């Protein structure tokens, strides 16, 4: 009998906010969350809540445009008074994807990408939900608005969580809003996954 991944729950540390699935009005949700997070901490130049709402709404739209079924999303806002989103995290379940294949697919994606991967380092770890494997990436995106040959850097972590007893896994992607948002991004994301629990069900 093979066990299948029937569901999961991720309880994230303080600072993370889960984005509800299927939001009918992303702007309304973004403004509501921004007001809650800022809680009166306003900037003299521009209300922090307005800036944060713009950032949250942009995240919701980007995730929606990705069109990935079953994608769960959370955002990290460390200092709401600054009016910015520090990171985005997504989780999606994948069937029949063993660690070796996931790692090989990730290496191929890095190798064949049109983006300039300035840094790619393997990441391994263990959380209560299972083995963790993936990569820590630093990507240079050319920005024509800044100038020819000028790139902005993106720091991201792409991880797979592989629960024992099932061929299924959870694909986790975290993208920082800027380099320096994390002191040790791979470890901090793995630490955040300590709150991940999975539900398995047997199949004949």
N, C-alpha and C. Protein backbone atom coordinates (compact mmCIF):
# COMPACT_ATOMS: atom_id res chain seq x y z
N UNK A 1 0.85 -1.20 0.00
CA UNK A 1 0.00 0.00 0.00
C UNK A 1 0.88 1.25 0.00
N UNK A 2 0.55 2.19 -0.87
CA UNK A 2 1.29 3.45 -0.98
C UNK A 2 0.54 4.56 -0.27
N UNK A 3 1.25 5.34 0.48
CA UNK A 3 0.63 6.51 1.13
C UNK A 3 0.72 7.71 0.21
N UNK A 4 -0.33 8.49 0.20
CA UNK A 4 -0.37 9.70 -0.61
C UNK A 4 -0.48 10.92 0.30
N UNK A 5 0.03 12.03 -0.19
CA UNK A 5 -0.09 13.29 0.55
C UNK A 5 -1.52 13.79 0.42
N UNK A 6 -2.25 13.76 1.52
CA UNK A 6 -3.65 14.16 1.50
C UNK A 6 -3.85 15.63 1.84
N UNK A 7 -2.89 16.23 2.52
CA UNK A 7 -3.02 17.63 2.90
C UNK A 7 -1.83 18.05 3.75
N UNK A 8 -1.79 19.32 4.04
CA UNK A 8 -0.71 19.85 4.88
C UNK A 8 -1.16 21.15 5.53
N UNK A 9 -0.44 21.51 6.58
CA UNK A 9 -0.69 22.78 7.26
C UNK A 9 0.66 23.39 7.62
N UNK A 10 0.80 24.68 7.39
CA UNK A 10 2.05 25.37 7.70
C UNK A 10 1.76 26.51 8.66
N UNK A 11 2.25 26.35 9.88
CA UNK A 11 2.15 27.41 10.88
C UNK A 11 3.46 28.18 10.88
N UNK A 12 3.41 29.41 10.42
CA UNK A 12 4.62 30.20 10.24
C UNK A 12 4.92 31.06 11.46
N UNK A 13 6.18 31.44 11.63
CA UNK A 13 6.55 32.30 12.77
C UNK A 13 5.93 33.69 12.66
N UNK A 14 6.06 34.46 13.72
CA UNK A 14 5.58 35.84 13.72
C UNK A 14 6.22 36.62 12.57
N UNK A 15 5.43 37.50 12.01
CA UNK A 15 5.91 38.31 10.89
C UNK A 15 5.36 37.85 9.55
N UNK A 16 4.95 36.58 9.48
CA UNK A 16 4.38 36.03 8.24
C UNK A 16 2.86 36.16 8.26
N UNK A 17 2.30 36.47 7.10
CA UNK A 17 0.85 36.55 6.93
C UNK A 17 0.45 35.66 5.76
N UNK A 18 -0.48 34.75 6.01
CA UNK A 18 -0.96 33.86 4.96
C UNK A 18 -1.94 34.60 4.06
N UNK A 19 -1.78 34.42 2.75
CA UNK A 19 -2.68 35.02 1.77
C UNK A 19 -3.80 34.03 1.48
N UNK A 20 -5.06 34.37 1.76
CA UNK A 20 -6.15 33.43 1.49
C UNK A 20 -6.24 33.09 0.00
N UNK A 21 -6.63 31.87 -0.29
CA UNK A 21 -6.78 31.45 -1.68
C UNK A 21 -8.06 32.03 -2.28
N UNK A 22 -8.00 32.32 -3.57
CA UNK A 22 -9.19 32.74 -4.30
C UNK A 22 -9.79 34.04 -3.84
N UNK A 23 -8.96 35.03 -3.54
CA UNK A 23 -9.48 36.33 -3.10
C UNK A 23 -10.30 37.00 -4.21
N UNK A 24 -11.52 37.39 -3.88
CA UNK A 24 -12.36 38.07 -4.86
C UNK A 24 -11.92 39.51 -5.06
N UNK A 25 -11.40 40.14 -4.01
CA UNK A 25 -10.98 41.54 -4.08
C UNK A 25 -9.60 41.68 -3.42
N UNK A 26 -8.52 41.43 -4.19
CA UNK A 26 -7.17 41.51 -3.62
C UNK A 26 -6.85 42.87 -3.01
N UNK A 27 -7.33 43.94 -3.62
CA UNK A 27 -7.02 45.28 -3.11
C UNK A 27 -7.64 45.50 -1.73
N UNK A 28 -8.88 45.05 -1.56
CA UNK A 28 -9.55 45.21 -0.27
C UNK A 28 -8.82 44.42 0.81
N UNK A 29 -8.44 43.18 0.48
CA UNK A 29 -7.69 42.38 1.45
C UNK A 29 -6.36 43.03 1.79
N UNK A 30 -5.66 43.53 0.78
CA UNK A 30 -4.35 44.15 0.99
C UNK A 30 -4.46 45.36 1.90
N UNK A 31 -5.47 46.20 1.68
CA UNK A 31 -5.64 47.38 2.52
C UNK A 31 -6.02 47.00 3.95
N UNK A 32 -6.86 45.98 4.09
CA UNK A 32 -7.25 45.52 5.42
C UNK A 32 -6.04 45.00 6.20
N UNK A 33 -5.23 44.17 5.53
CA UNK A 33 -4.05 43.61 6.20
C UNK A 33 -3.01 44.69 6.50
N UNK A 34 -2.82 45.61 5.58
CA UNK A 34 -1.86 46.69 5.80
C UNK A 34 -2.26 47.54 6.99
N UNK A 35 -3.53 47.86 7.09
CA UNK A 35 -4.01 48.65 8.22
C UNK A 35 -3.79 47.92 9.54
N UNK A 36 -4.03 46.61 9.52
CA UNK A 36 -3.85 45.80 10.73
C UNK A 36 -2.38 45.75 11.13
N UNK A 37 -1.50 45.57 10.15
CA UNK A 37 -0.08 45.42 10.44
C UNK A 37 0.57 46.73 10.87
N UNK A 38 0.19 47.81 10.20
CA UNK A 38 0.81 49.10 10.50
C UNK A 38 0.34 49.62 11.85
N UNK A 39 -0.95 49.50 12.11
CA UNK A 39 -1.52 49.86 13.42
C UNK A 39 -1.03 51.21 13.92
N UNK A 40 -1.18 52.23 13.09
CA UNK A 40 -0.86 53.59 13.51
C UNK A 40 0.57 54.03 13.29
N UNK A 41 1.44 53.13 12.81
CA UNK A 41 2.84 53.50 12.57
C UNK A 41 2.95 54.09 11.16
N UNK A 42 2.76 55.38 11.05
CA UNK A 42 2.70 56.04 9.75
C UNK A 42 3.98 56.81 9.45
N UNK A 43 4.30 56.86 8.17
CA UNK A 43 5.45 57.64 7.71
C UNK A 43 5.03 59.07 7.45
N UNK A 44 5.94 59.99 7.71
CA UNK A 44 5.64 61.41 7.48
C UNK A 44 5.55 61.71 5.99
N UNK A 45 6.30 60.96 5.16
CA UNK A 45 6.33 61.24 3.73
C UNK A 45 5.12 60.64 3.02
N UNK A 46 4.81 59.41 3.33
CA UNK A 46 3.65 58.75 2.75
C UNK A 46 3.17 57.71 3.74
N UNK A 47 1.87 57.59 3.92
CA UNK A 47 1.38 56.60 4.88
C UNK A 47 1.97 55.22 4.62
N UNK A 48 2.54 54.62 5.65
CA UNK A 48 3.13 53.30 5.51
C UNK A 48 2.08 52.28 5.08
N UNK A 49 0.86 52.45 5.58
CA UNK A 49 -0.21 51.52 5.22
C UNK A 49 -0.48 51.50 3.73
N UNK A 50 -0.43 52.66 3.08
CA UNK A 50 -0.68 52.72 1.64
C UNK A 50 0.43 52.02 0.87
N UNK A 51 1.67 52.23 1.27
CA UNK A 51 2.79 51.57 0.60
C UNK A 51 2.72 50.06 0.79
N UNK A 52 2.42 49.64 2.01
CA UNK A 52 2.34 48.21 2.29
C UNK A 52 1.18 47.57 1.54
N UNK A 53 0.05 48.26 1.47
CA UNK A 53 -1.10 47.74 0.73
C UNK A 53 -0.75 47.53 -0.74
N UNK A 54 -0.02 48.48 -1.32
CA UNK A 54 0.41 48.33 -2.72
C UNK A 54 1.26 47.08 -2.89
N UNK A 55 2.19 46.87 -1.95
CA UNK A 55 3.06 45.70 -2.03
C UNK A 55 2.31 44.40 -1.86
N UNK A 56 1.38 44.35 -0.92
CA UNK A 56 0.59 43.14 -0.71
C UNK A 56 -0.29 42.83 -1.91
N UNK A 57 -0.91 43.86 -2.47
CA UNK A 57 -1.76 43.66 -3.64
C UNK A 57 -0.95 43.16 -4.83
N UNK A 58 0.27 43.67 -4.99
CA UNK A 58 1.13 43.23 -6.09
C UNK A 58 1.49 41.75 -5.95
N UNK A 59 1.72 41.31 -4.71
CA UNK A 59 2.02 39.90 -4.47
C UNK A 59 0.82 39.03 -4.85
N UNK A 60 -0.36 39.43 -4.41
CA UNK A 60 -1.57 38.64 -4.70
C UNK A 60 -1.78 38.53 -6.21
N UNK A 61 -1.59 39.62 -6.93
CA UNK A 61 -1.78 39.59 -8.38
C UNK A 61 -0.73 38.70 -9.06
N UNK A 62 0.52 38.80 -8.61
CA UNK A 62 1.58 38.00 -9.21
C UNK A 62 1.32 36.51 -9.01
N UNK A 63 0.87 36.14 -7.82
CA UNK A 63 0.57 34.74 -7.54
C UNK A 63 -0.62 34.28 -8.38
N UNK A 64 -1.63 35.13 -8.50
CA UNK A 64 -2.78 34.78 -9.32
C UNK A 64 -2.42 34.62 -10.78
N UNK A 65 -1.55 35.49 -11.27
CA UNK A 65 -1.13 35.42 -12.67
C UNK A 65 -0.32 34.16 -12.96
N UNK A 66 0.32 33.60 -11.93
CA UNK A 66 1.12 32.39 -12.13
C UNK A 66 0.23 31.21 -12.53
N UNK A 67 -1.02 31.22 -12.08
CA UNK A 67 -1.97 30.20 -12.49
C UNK A 67 -1.64 28.79 -12.03
N UNK A 68 -0.99 28.66 -10.87
CA UNK A 68 -0.62 27.34 -10.35
C UNK A 68 -1.72 26.84 -9.41
N UNK A 69 -2.35 25.74 -9.78
CA UNK A 69 -3.43 25.20 -8.96
C UNK A 69 -2.90 24.72 -7.61
N UNK A 70 -3.63 25.04 -6.55
CA UNK A 70 -3.27 24.57 -5.22
C UNK A 70 -2.13 25.30 -4.56
N UNK A 71 -1.72 26.43 -5.12
CA UNK A 71 -0.59 27.18 -4.57
C UNK A 71 -1.02 27.93 -3.31
N UNK A 72 -0.29 27.72 -2.22
CA UNK A 72 -0.52 28.45 -0.98
C UNK A 72 0.57 29.51 -0.84
N UNK A 73 0.19 30.68 -0.35
CA UNK A 73 1.12 31.82 -0.33
C UNK A 73 1.12 32.50 1.03
N UNK A 74 2.30 32.99 1.41
CA UNK A 74 2.44 33.81 2.62
C UNK A 74 3.45 34.91 2.34
N UNK A 75 3.32 36.01 3.06
CA UNK A 75 4.24 37.13 2.90
C UNK A 75 4.87 37.45 4.26
N UNK A 76 6.10 37.92 4.21
CA UNK A 76 6.82 38.31 5.42
C UNK A 76 6.92 39.83 5.47
N UNK A 77 6.43 40.40 6.58
CA UNK A 77 6.54 41.85 6.81
C UNK A 77 7.16 42.02 8.19
N UNK A 78 8.44 42.34 8.21
CA UNK A 78 9.15 42.43 9.49
C UNK A 78 8.88 43.77 10.19
N UNK A 79 8.91 44.84 9.42
CA UNK A 79 8.73 46.18 10.00
C UNK A 79 7.65 46.90 9.21
N UNK A 80 6.40 46.74 9.61
CA UNK A 80 5.29 47.33 8.85
C UNK A 80 5.41 48.83 8.68
N UNK A 81 6.05 49.51 9.64
CA UNK A 81 6.16 50.97 9.55
C UNK A 81 6.99 51.42 8.35
N UNK A 82 7.76 50.50 7.76
CA UNK A 82 8.54 50.84 6.56
C UNK A 82 7.71 50.68 5.29
N UNK A 83 6.56 50.04 5.40
CA UNK A 83 5.65 49.94 4.26
C UNK A 83 6.11 49.02 3.16
N UNK A 84 6.82 47.93 3.51
CA UNK A 84 7.31 47.05 2.45
C UNK A 84 7.13 45.58 2.85
N UNK A 85 7.00 44.75 1.82
CA UNK A 85 6.96 43.30 1.99
C UNK A 85 8.39 42.79 1.87
N UNK A 86 8.85 42.02 2.87
CA UNK A 86 10.23 41.55 2.89
C UNK A 86 10.44 40.28 2.09
N UNK A 87 9.43 39.43 2.01
CA UNK A 87 9.60 38.17 1.28
C UNK A 87 8.26 37.55 0.96
N UNK A 88 8.28 36.69 -0.03
CA UNK A 88 7.13 35.92 -0.47
C UNK A 88 7.49 34.44 -0.35
N UNK A 89 6.56 33.64 0.14
CA UNK A 89 6.77 32.20 0.24
C UNK A 89 5.56 31.48 -0.36
N UNK A 90 5.83 30.49 -1.20
CA UNK A 90 4.75 29.69 -1.78
C UNK A 90 5.00 28.21 -1.50
N UNK A 91 3.91 27.47 -1.37
CA UNK A 91 3.96 26.03 -1.15
C UNK A 91 2.94 25.37 -2.07
N UNK A 92 3.37 24.30 -2.74
CA UNK A 92 2.44 23.55 -3.58
C UNK A 92 2.82 22.08 -3.53
N UNK A 93 1.82 21.22 -3.49
CA UNK A 93 2.05 19.78 -3.45
C UNK A 93 2.33 19.25 -4.85
N UNK A 94 3.24 18.28 -4.92
CA UNK A 94 3.57 17.62 -6.18
C UNK A 94 3.51 16.11 -5.97
N UNK A 95 2.97 15.40 -6.94
CA UNK A 95 2.86 13.94 -6.85
C UNK A 95 4.05 13.27 -7.52
N UNK A 96 4.48 12.16 -6.92
CA UNK A 96 5.49 11.28 -7.53
C UNK A 96 6.74 12.03 -7.97
N UNK A 97 7.32 12.77 -7.04
CA UNK A 97 8.54 13.52 -7.36
C UNK A 97 9.59 13.24 -6.27
N UNK A 98 10.49 12.27 -6.51
CA UNK A 98 11.51 11.93 -5.50
C UNK A 98 12.59 13.00 -5.40
N UNK A 99 13.35 13.00 -4.32
CA UNK A 99 14.37 14.04 -4.11
C UNK A 99 15.38 14.14 -5.24
N UNK A 100 15.84 13.00 -5.76
CA UNK A 100 16.87 13.03 -6.79
C UNK A 100 16.35 13.69 -8.07
N UNK A 101 15.12 13.41 -8.42
CA UNK A 101 14.54 14.01 -9.63
C UNK A 101 14.31 15.50 -9.43
N UNK A 102 13.82 15.88 -8.26
CA UNK A 102 13.61 17.30 -7.98
C UNK A 102 14.92 18.07 -8.06
N UNK A 103 15.99 17.51 -7.46
CA UNK A 103 17.29 18.18 -7.49
C UNK A 103 17.81 18.29 -8.92
N UNK A 104 17.65 17.24 -9.71
CA UNK A 104 18.11 17.27 -11.10
C UNK A 104 17.31 18.28 -11.92
N UNK A 105 16.00 18.34 -11.70
CA UNK A 105 15.17 19.32 -12.42
C UNK A 105 15.58 20.74 -12.06
N UNK A 106 15.91 20.96 -10.80
CA UNK A 106 16.31 22.29 -10.35
C UNK A 106 17.65 22.68 -10.98
N UNK A 107 18.58 21.75 -11.04
CA UNK A 107 19.87 22.02 -11.67
C UNK A 107 19.69 22.36 -13.15
N UNK A 108 18.82 21.62 -13.83
CA UNK A 108 18.57 21.88 -15.25
C UNK A 108 17.92 23.24 -15.45
N UNK A 109 17.00 23.60 -14.56
CA UNK A 109 16.34 24.90 -14.65
C UNK A 109 17.35 26.03 -14.52
N UNK A 110 18.27 25.90 -13.58
CA UNK A 110 19.31 26.92 -13.39
C UNK A 110 20.21 26.99 -14.62
N UNK A 111 20.57 25.83 -15.14
CA UNK A 111 21.50 25.75 -16.27
C UNK A 111 20.90 26.34 -17.55
N UNK A 112 19.61 26.14 -17.77
CA UNK A 112 18.99 26.54 -19.03
C UNK A 112 18.24 27.86 -18.95
N UNK A 113 18.21 28.47 -17.79
CA UNK A 113 17.48 29.73 -17.62
C UNK A 113 18.14 30.86 -18.40
N UNK A 114 17.32 31.77 -18.90
CA UNK A 114 17.84 32.96 -19.57
C UNK A 114 18.39 33.97 -18.57
N UNK A 115 17.99 33.86 -17.32
CA UNK A 115 18.51 34.76 -16.29
C UNK A 115 19.93 34.36 -15.91
N UNK A 116 20.67 35.33 -15.40
CA UNK A 116 22.05 35.10 -15.00
C UNK A 116 22.09 34.66 -13.54
N UNK A 117 22.31 33.37 -13.32
CA UNK A 117 22.40 32.86 -11.95
C UNK A 117 23.82 33.09 -11.44
N UNK A 118 23.98 34.13 -10.64
CA UNK A 118 25.29 34.50 -10.14
C UNK A 118 25.77 33.57 -9.04
N UNK A 119 24.83 32.89 -8.41
CA UNK A 119 25.17 32.03 -7.28
C UNK A 119 24.11 30.94 -7.17
N UNK A 120 24.55 29.71 -7.03
CA UNK A 120 23.63 28.59 -6.84
C UNK A 120 24.32 27.58 -5.93
N UNK A 121 23.74 27.35 -4.78
CA UNK A 121 24.34 26.45 -3.80
C UNK A 121 23.29 25.47 -3.30
N UNK A 122 23.67 24.20 -3.22
CA UNK A 122 22.75 23.17 -2.74
C UNK A 122 22.41 23.40 -1.28
N UNK A 123 21.17 23.09 -0.94
CA UNK A 123 20.67 23.23 0.43
C UNK A 123 20.09 21.89 0.86
N UNK A 124 20.45 21.45 2.05
CA UNK A 124 19.90 20.22 2.61
C UNK A 124 19.55 20.45 4.08
N UNK A 125 18.55 19.75 4.53
CA UNK A 125 18.17 19.88 5.93
C UNK A 125 17.08 18.87 6.27
N UNK A 126 16.60 18.97 7.49
CA UNK A 126 15.53 18.10 7.95
C UNK A 126 14.58 18.91 8.82
N UNK A 127 13.29 18.72 8.58
CA UNK A 127 12.25 19.34 9.41
C UNK A 127 11.32 18.22 9.86
N UNK A 128 10.45 18.47 10.84
CA UNK A 128 9.56 17.40 11.30
C UNK A 128 8.74 16.74 10.19
N UNK A 129 8.43 17.49 9.13
CA UNK A 129 7.63 16.94 8.04
C UNK A 129 8.43 16.04 7.11
N UNK A 130 9.77 16.13 7.15
CA UNK A 130 10.57 15.28 6.27
C UNK A 130 11.90 15.89 5.87
N UNK A 131 12.55 15.22 4.94
CA UNK A 131 13.83 15.67 4.41
C UNK A 131 13.64 16.91 3.54
N UNK A 132 14.60 17.82 3.59
CA UNK A 132 14.56 19.04 2.78
C UNK A 132 15.76 19.06 1.85
N UNK A 133 15.50 19.30 0.57
CA UNK A 133 16.57 19.46 -0.41
C UNK A 133 16.21 20.58 -1.36
N UNK A 134 17.23 21.27 -1.86
CA UNK A 134 16.95 22.35 -2.79
C UNK A 134 18.16 23.19 -3.08
N UNK A 135 17.95 24.48 -3.32
CA UNK A 135 19.04 25.37 -3.70
C UNK A 135 18.79 26.78 -3.21
N UNK A 136 19.89 27.46 -2.93
CA UNK A 136 19.90 28.89 -2.60
C UNK A 136 20.44 29.60 -3.83
N UNK A 137 19.67 30.53 -4.38
CA UNK A 137 20.00 31.15 -5.66
C UNK A 137 20.12 32.66 -5.54
N UNK A 138 21.06 33.20 -6.28
CA UNK A 138 21.18 34.65 -6.46
C UNK A 138 21.11 34.89 -7.96
N UNK A 139 20.09 35.63 -8.39
CA UNK A 139 19.81 35.78 -9.81
C UNK A 139 19.91 37.24 -10.21
N UNK A 140 20.60 37.50 -11.31
CA UNK A 140 20.69 38.85 -11.85
C UNK A 140 19.70 39.05 -12.98
N UNK A 141 18.76 39.97 -12.81
CA UNK A 141 17.77 40.28 -13.85
C UNK A 141 18.16 41.60 -14.50
N UNK A 142 18.35 41.59 -15.81
CA UNK A 142 18.67 42.83 -16.51
C UNK A 142 17.51 43.81 -16.41
N UNK A 143 17.83 45.06 -16.13
CA UNK A 143 16.82 46.10 -15.95
C UNK A 143 17.09 47.23 -16.94
N UNK A 144 16.41 47.23 -18.10
CA UNK A 144 16.66 48.26 -19.12
C UNK A 144 16.32 49.66 -18.65
N UNK A 145 15.47 49.78 -17.64
CA UNK A 145 15.12 51.11 -17.14
C UNK A 145 16.28 51.75 -16.39
N UNK A 146 17.20 50.92 -15.91
CA UNK A 146 18.36 51.44 -15.17
C UNK A 146 19.52 51.74 -16.10
N UNK A 147 19.72 50.86 -17.09
CA UNK A 147 20.81 51.07 -18.04
C UNK A 147 21.23 49.76 -18.66
N UNK A 148 21.93 49.84 -19.79
CA UNK A 148 22.38 48.64 -20.48
C UNK A 148 23.33 47.84 -19.59
N UNK A 149 23.06 46.55 -19.52
CA UNK A 149 23.93 45.67 -18.75
C UNK A 149 23.79 45.78 -17.25
N UNK A 150 22.81 46.55 -16.78
CA UNK A 150 22.62 46.72 -15.34
C UNK A 150 21.53 45.75 -14.88
N UNK A 151 21.82 45.02 -13.83
CA UNK A 151 20.88 44.02 -13.33
C UNK A 151 20.53 44.30 -11.88
N UNK A 152 19.30 43.93 -11.51
CA UNK A 152 18.97 43.93 -10.09
C UNK A 152 19.03 42.49 -9.59
N UNK A 153 19.45 42.32 -8.37
CA UNK A 153 19.67 40.99 -7.82
C UNK A 153 18.42 40.48 -7.12
N UNK A 154 18.16 39.21 -7.31
CA UNK A 154 17.06 38.54 -6.62
C UNK A 154 17.62 37.37 -5.83
N UNK A 155 17.28 37.31 -4.56
CA UNK A 155 17.69 36.18 -3.73
C UNK A 155 16.47 35.29 -3.51
N UNK A 156 16.65 34.01 -3.78
CA UNK A 156 15.53 33.08 -3.57
C UNK A 156 16.04 31.73 -3.08
N UNK A 157 15.14 30.99 -2.47
CA UNK A 157 15.41 29.63 -2.02
C UNK A 157 14.33 28.74 -2.61
N UNK A 158 14.75 27.68 -3.30
CA UNK A 158 13.83 26.70 -3.87
C UNK A 158 14.05 25.37 -3.16
N UNK A 159 13.04 24.89 -2.47
CA UNK A 159 13.19 23.70 -1.64
C UNK A 159 12.10 22.67 -1.94
N UNK A 160 12.46 21.42 -1.71
CA UNK A 160 11.48 20.35 -1.71
C UNK A 160 11.46 19.71 -0.33
N UNK A 161 10.27 19.48 0.19
CA UNK A 161 10.11 18.77 1.46
C UNK A 161 9.54 17.39 1.13
N UNK A 162 10.25 16.34 1.58
CA UNK A 162 9.92 14.97 1.19
C UNK A 162 9.53 14.16 2.43
N UNK A 163 8.23 14.06 2.69
CA UNK A 163 7.77 13.29 3.86
C UNK A 163 8.10 11.80 3.71
N UNK A 164 8.38 11.15 4.81
CA UNK A 164 8.62 9.70 4.80
C UNK A 164 7.34 8.96 4.43
N UNK A 165 7.51 7.89 3.67
CA UNK A 165 6.39 6.99 3.41
C UNK A 165 5.50 7.36 2.26
N UNK A 166 5.90 8.35 1.44
CA UNK A 166 5.09 8.74 0.28
C UNK A 166 6.00 9.20 -0.84
N UNK A 167 5.60 8.95 -2.09
CA UNK A 167 6.38 9.47 -3.22
C UNK A 167 6.07 10.94 -3.52
N UNK A 168 5.13 11.51 -2.80
CA UNK A 168 4.73 12.90 -3.04
C UNK A 168 5.60 13.84 -2.21
N UNK A 169 5.59 15.12 -2.58
CA UNK A 169 6.42 16.10 -1.88
C UNK A 169 5.75 17.46 -1.90
N UNK A 170 6.34 18.39 -1.17
CA UNK A 170 5.88 19.78 -1.17
C UNK A 170 7.00 20.65 -1.72
N UNK A 171 6.67 21.45 -2.71
CA UNK A 171 7.64 22.37 -3.31
C UNK A 171 7.48 23.74 -2.66
N UNK A 172 8.56 24.25 -2.10
CA UNK A 172 8.55 25.51 -1.36
C UNK A 172 9.48 26.50 -2.06
N UNK A 173 8.98 27.68 -2.35
CA UNK A 173 9.80 28.73 -2.96
C UNK A 173 9.68 29.99 -2.12
N UNK A 174 10.81 30.57 -1.78
CA UNK A 174 10.83 31.83 -1.04
C UNK A 174 11.65 32.83 -1.83
N UNK A 175 11.12 34.03 -2.00
CA UNK A 175 11.78 35.09 -2.75
C UNK A 175 11.86 36.32 -1.87
N UNK A 176 13.08 36.82 -1.67
CA UNK A 176 13.28 38.02 -0.86
C UNK A 176 13.04 39.26 -1.71
N UNK A 177 12.53 40.31 -1.09
CA UNK A 177 12.28 41.55 -1.82
C UNK A 177 13.57 42.24 -2.20
N UNK A 178 14.64 41.98 -1.45
CA UNK A 178 15.94 42.57 -1.76
C UNK A 178 17.03 41.72 -1.11
N UNK A 179 18.21 41.78 -1.70
CA UNK A 179 19.34 41.09 -1.10
C UNK A 179 19.64 41.76 0.24
N UNK A 180 19.78 40.96 1.26
CA UNK A 180 20.00 41.51 2.59
C UNK A 180 18.76 41.47 3.46
N UNK A 181 17.63 41.04 2.89
CA UNK A 181 16.42 40.89 3.70
C UNK A 181 16.59 39.81 4.76
N UNK A 182 17.48 38.85 4.48
CA UNK A 182 17.75 37.77 5.41
C UNK A 182 19.25 37.74 5.72
N UNK A 183 19.58 37.36 6.94
CA UNK A 183 20.97 37.13 7.30
C UNK A 183 21.46 35.82 6.73
N UNK A 184 20.63 34.78 6.83
CA UNK A 184 20.92 33.45 6.29
C UNK A 184 19.62 32.90 5.74
N UNK A 185 19.30 33.25 4.50
CA UNK A 185 17.98 32.94 3.96
C UNK A 185 17.67 31.44 3.95
N UNK A 186 18.56 30.57 3.47
CA UNK A 186 18.21 29.14 3.46
C UNK A 186 17.86 28.62 4.85
N UNK A 187 18.67 28.97 5.85
CA UNK A 187 18.41 28.45 7.19
C UNK A 187 17.15 29.05 7.79
N UNK A 188 16.90 30.31 7.53
CA UNK A 188 15.70 30.95 8.09
C UNK A 188 14.43 30.36 7.48
N UNK A 189 14.48 30.01 6.20
CA UNK A 189 13.31 29.39 5.58
C UNK A 189 13.12 27.97 6.09
N UNK A 190 14.21 27.22 6.23
CA UNK A 190 14.11 25.88 6.81
C UNK A 190 13.55 25.96 8.23
N UNK A 191 14.02 26.93 9.00
CA UNK A 191 13.50 27.11 10.36
C UNK A 191 11.99 27.38 10.34
N UNK A 192 11.55 28.18 9.35
CA UNK A 192 10.12 28.49 9.24
C UNK A 192 9.30 27.24 8.93
N UNK A 193 9.92 26.27 8.24
CA UNK A 193 9.22 25.04 7.89
C UNK A 193 9.09 24.07 9.05
N UNK A 194 9.62 24.44 10.21
CA UNK A 194 9.43 23.60 11.40
C UNK A 194 7.96 23.49 11.76
N UNK A 195 7.15 24.46 11.33
CA UNK A 195 5.72 24.44 11.61
C UNK A 195 4.90 23.72 10.55
N UNK A 196 5.56 23.00 9.65
CA UNK A 196 4.87 22.28 8.58
C UNK A 196 4.48 20.88 9.05
N UNK A 197 3.22 20.55 8.93
CA UNK A 197 2.74 19.20 9.22
C UNK A 197 2.02 18.66 7.99
N UNK A 198 2.15 17.36 7.76
CA UNK A 198 1.53 16.75 6.58
C UNK A 198 0.56 15.66 7.01
N UNK A 199 -0.42 15.43 6.16
CA UNK A 199 -1.40 14.37 6.38
C UNK A 199 -1.29 13.38 5.23
N UNK A 200 -1.08 12.11 5.57
CA UNK A 200 -0.97 11.06 4.56
C UNK A 200 -2.18 10.15 4.63
N UNK A 201 -2.54 9.59 3.48
CA UNK A 201 -3.61 8.60 3.45
C UNK A 201 -3.16 7.42 2.61
N UNK A 202 -3.55 6.23 3.03
CA UNK A 202 -3.16 5.03 2.33
C UNK A 202 -4.01 4.78 1.10
N UNK A 203 -3.39 4.21 0.07
CA UNK A 203 -4.11 3.82 -1.14
C UNK A 203 -3.74 2.38 -1.46
N UNK A 204 -4.67 1.69 -2.04
CA UNK A 204 -4.42 0.28 -2.37
C UNK A 204 -3.46 0.16 -3.53
